[in-house]
Amino acid sequence: MSHQTILRLPSVAQRTGSSCSIIYSLIKDGQFKPPINLGARAVGWLESDVSGFIGAHVKASRKA
């Protein structure tokens, strides 16, 4: 079984350099993967999804 790390919103915001509200706006616009449910009042994101988002933005910004 592969090891997957789940990040909570403050860690996602720190890693992406975006605010929490921007992250939810990106989710609404289909530009960021939605969180996974961890419990009744807890969500998180797979670290691999966050890394993919960052990598795509780095690649796009370096094309210009």
N, C-alpha and C. Protein backbone atom coordinates (compact mmCIF):
# COMPACT_ATOMS: atom_id res chain seq x y z
N MET A 1 0.85 -1.18 0.00
CA MET A 1 0.00 0.00 0.00
C MET A 1 0.89 1.25 0.00
N SER A 2 0.55 2.22 -0.81
CA SER A 2 1.36 3.44 -0.89
C SER A 2 1.03 4.39 0.25
N HIS A 3 2.03 5.14 0.63
CA HIS A 3 1.88 6.12 1.71
C HIS A 3 1.39 7.44 1.13
N GLN A 4 0.29 7.96 1.65
CA GLN A 4 -0.24 9.24 1.21
C GLN A 4 -0.43 10.14 2.42
N THR A 5 0.04 11.37 2.29
CA THR A 5 -0.09 12.33 3.38
C THR A 5 -1.28 13.24 3.11
N ILE A 6 -2.05 13.50 4.15
CA ILE A 6 -3.19 14.40 4.06
C ILE A 6 -2.82 15.71 4.73
N LEU A 7 -3.05 16.81 4.03
CA LEU A 7 -2.76 18.15 4.55
C LEU A 7 -4.05 18.86 4.91
N ARG A 8 -4.04 19.54 6.02
CA ARG A 8 -5.18 20.36 6.42
C ARG A 8 -5.04 21.73 5.77
N LEU A 9 -6.11 22.52 5.81
CA LEU A 9 -6.18 23.79 5.10
C LEU A 9 -5.03 24.75 5.42
N PRO A 10 -4.64 24.95 6.67
CA PRO A 10 -3.52 25.88 6.92
C PRO A 10 -2.23 25.47 6.21
N SER A 11 -1.96 24.17 6.14
CA SER A 11 -0.77 23.69 5.45
C SER A 11 -0.89 23.88 3.94
N VAL A 12 -2.08 23.65 3.41
CA VAL A 12 -2.31 23.86 1.97
C VAL A 12 -2.11 25.33 1.63
N ALA A 13 -2.66 26.20 2.46
CA ALA A 13 -2.51 27.65 2.22
C ALA A 13 -1.04 28.05 2.27
N GLN A 14 -0.31 27.53 3.22
CA GLN A 14 1.10 27.87 3.33
C GLN A 14 1.89 27.36 2.13
N ARG A 15 1.65 26.15 1.72
CA ARG A 15 2.40 25.56 0.61
C ARG A 15 2.10 26.23 -0.72
N THR A 16 0.86 26.65 -0.92
CA THR A 16 0.49 27.28 -2.20
C THR A 16 0.73 28.79 -2.19
N GLY A 17 0.88 29.36 -1.01
CA GLY A 17 1.03 30.81 -0.92
C GLY A 17 -0.28 31.54 -1.14
N SER A 18 -1.38 30.83 -1.02
CA SER A 18 -2.72 31.39 -1.23
C SER A 18 -3.48 31.42 0.09
N SER A 19 -4.43 32.33 0.19
CA SER A 19 -5.29 32.37 1.37
C SER A 19 -6.31 31.24 1.29
N CYS A 20 -6.94 30.97 2.41
CA CYS A 20 -7.97 29.94 2.46
C CYS A 20 -9.13 30.26 1.52
N SER A 21 -9.51 31.53 1.47
CA SER A 21 -10.63 31.92 0.60
C SER A 21 -10.26 31.76 -0.87
N ILE A 22 -9.02 32.03 -1.22
CA ILE A 22 -8.57 31.84 -2.62
C ILE A 22 -8.60 30.35 -2.97
N ILE A 23 -8.18 29.51 -2.05
CA ILE A 23 -8.20 28.06 -2.32
C ILE A 23 -9.63 27.60 -2.60
N TYR A 24 -10.59 28.03 -1.78
CA TYR A 24 -11.97 27.63 -2.02
C TYR A 24 -12.53 28.24 -3.30
N SER A 25 -12.08 29.42 -3.67
CA SER A 25 -12.48 30.02 -4.94
C SER A 25 -11.92 29.21 -6.11
N LEU A 26 -10.68 28.76 -6.00
CA LEU A 26 -10.08 27.93 -7.05
C LEU A 26 -10.82 26.59 -7.17
N ILE A 27 -11.26 26.04 -6.05
CA ILE A 27 -12.04 24.80 -6.07
C ILE A 27 -13.35 25.03 -6.81
N LYS A 28 -14.01 26.12 -6.48
CA LYS A 28 -15.29 26.45 -7.12
C LYS A 28 -15.13 26.60 -8.63
N ASP A 29 -13.99 27.17 -9.06
CA ASP A 29 -13.73 27.38 -10.49
C ASP A 29 -13.15 26.15 -11.18
N GLY A 30 -12.95 25.06 -10.43
CA GLY A 30 -12.43 23.83 -11.00
C GLY A 30 -10.93 23.83 -11.23
N GLN A 31 -10.21 24.75 -10.60
CA GLN A 31 -8.77 24.87 -10.79
C GLN A 31 -7.97 24.18 -9.69
N PHE A 32 -8.63 23.73 -8.63
CA PHE A 32 -7.97 23.08 -7.50
C PHE A 32 -8.85 21.92 -7.08
N LYS A 33 -8.24 20.77 -6.79
CA LYS A 33 -9.04 19.60 -6.42
C LYS A 33 -9.75 19.83 -5.09
N PRO A 34 -10.99 19.38 -4.98
CA PRO A 34 -11.73 19.55 -3.72
C PRO A 34 -11.14 18.68 -2.63
N PRO A 35 -11.41 19.03 -1.38
CA PRO A 35 -10.87 18.26 -0.27
C PRO A 35 -11.58 16.91 -0.12
N ILE A 36 -10.95 16.05 0.65
CA ILE A 36 -11.57 14.79 1.01
C ILE A 36 -12.11 14.92 2.43
N ASN A 37 -13.22 14.28 2.69
CA ASN A 37 -13.81 14.33 4.03
C ASN A 37 -13.03 13.43 4.98
N LEU A 38 -12.69 13.98 6.14
CA LEU A 38 -11.97 13.23 7.16
C LEU A 38 -12.87 12.90 8.35
N GLY A 39 -13.96 13.59 8.44
CA GLY A 39 -14.89 13.38 9.55
C GLY A 39 -16.04 14.35 9.42
N ALA A 40 -16.82 14.46 10.47
CA ALA A 40 -18.01 15.31 10.44
C ALA A 40 -17.68 16.77 10.15
N ARG A 41 -16.57 17.26 10.70
CA ARG A 41 -16.22 18.68 10.52
C ARG A 41 -14.76 18.86 10.13
N ALA A 42 -14.21 17.90 9.40
CA ALA A 42 -12.80 17.97 9.04
C ALA A 42 -12.60 17.54 7.59
N VAL A 43 -11.79 18.30 6.88
CA VAL A 43 -11.43 17.97 5.50
C VAL A 43 -9.92 18.11 5.35
N GLY A 44 -9.40 17.52 4.30
CA GLY A 44 -7.99 17.62 4.01
C GLY A 44 -7.74 17.37 2.53
N TRP A 45 -6.52 17.63 2.11
CA TRP A 45 -6.13 17.45 0.72
C TRP A 45 -4.95 16.49 0.66
N LEU A 46 -4.89 15.68 -0.38
CA LEU A 46 -3.74 14.82 -0.56
C LEU A 46 -2.54 15.69 -0.91
N GLU A 47 -1.42 15.42 -0.29
CA GLU A 47 -0.21 16.18 -0.55
C GLU A 47 0.17 16.09 -2.03
N SER A 48 -0.08 14.95 -2.65
CA SER A 48 0.24 14.78 -4.06
C SER A 48 -0.60 15.71 -4.94
N ASP A 49 -1.85 15.95 -4.57
CA ASP A 49 -2.71 16.87 -5.33
C ASP A 49 -2.20 18.31 -5.20
N VAL A 50 -1.78 18.68 -3.99
CA VAL A 50 -1.26 20.03 -3.76
C VAL A 50 0.04 20.21 -4.52
N SER A 51 0.91 19.22 -4.48
CA SER A 51 2.18 19.30 -5.20
C SER A 51 1.95 19.39 -6.70
N GLY A 52 0.96 18.67 -7.20
CA GLY A 52 0.62 18.74 -8.63
C GLY A 52 0.15 20.13 -9.03
N PHE A 53 -0.66 20.74 -8.19
CA PHE A 53 -1.14 22.10 -8.44
C PHE A 53 0.03 23.07 -8.51
N ILE A 54 0.94 22.97 -7.55
CA ILE A 54 2.10 23.86 -7.51
C ILE A 54 2.97 23.63 -8.74
N GLY A 55 3.22 22.37 -9.06
CA GLY A 55 4.04 22.05 -10.23
C GLY A 55 3.46 22.58 -11.53
N ALA A 56 2.15 22.49 -11.67
CA ALA A 56 1.50 23.00 -12.88
C ALA A 56 1.65 24.51 -12.99
N HIS A 57 1.56 25.21 -11.87
CA HIS A 57 1.70 26.67 -11.89
C HIS A 57 3.15 27.08 -12.18
N VAL A 58 4.09 26.33 -11.64
CA VAL A 58 5.50 26.62 -11.93
C VAL A 58 5.75 26.42 -13.42
N LYS A 59 5.28 25.31 -13.97
CA LYS A 59 5.47 25.02 -15.39
C LYS A 59 4.84 26.11 -16.27
N ALA A 60 3.62 26.51 -15.93
CA ALA A 60 2.91 27.54 -16.71
C ALA A 60 3.62 28.88 -16.63
N SER A 61 4.15 29.23 -15.47
CA SER A 61 4.78 30.53 -15.32
C SER A 61 6.13 30.60 -16.00
N ARG A 62 6.77 29.47 -16.18
CA ARG A 62 8.09 29.46 -16.81
C ARG A 62 8.01 29.35 -18.33
N LYS A 63 6.83 29.11 -18.87
CA LYS A 63 6.65 29.09 -20.32
C LYS A 63 6.70 30.50 -20.89
N ALA A 64 6.27 31.47 -20.08
CA ALA A 64 6.15 32.86 -20.56
C ALA A 64 7.49 33.49 -20.78
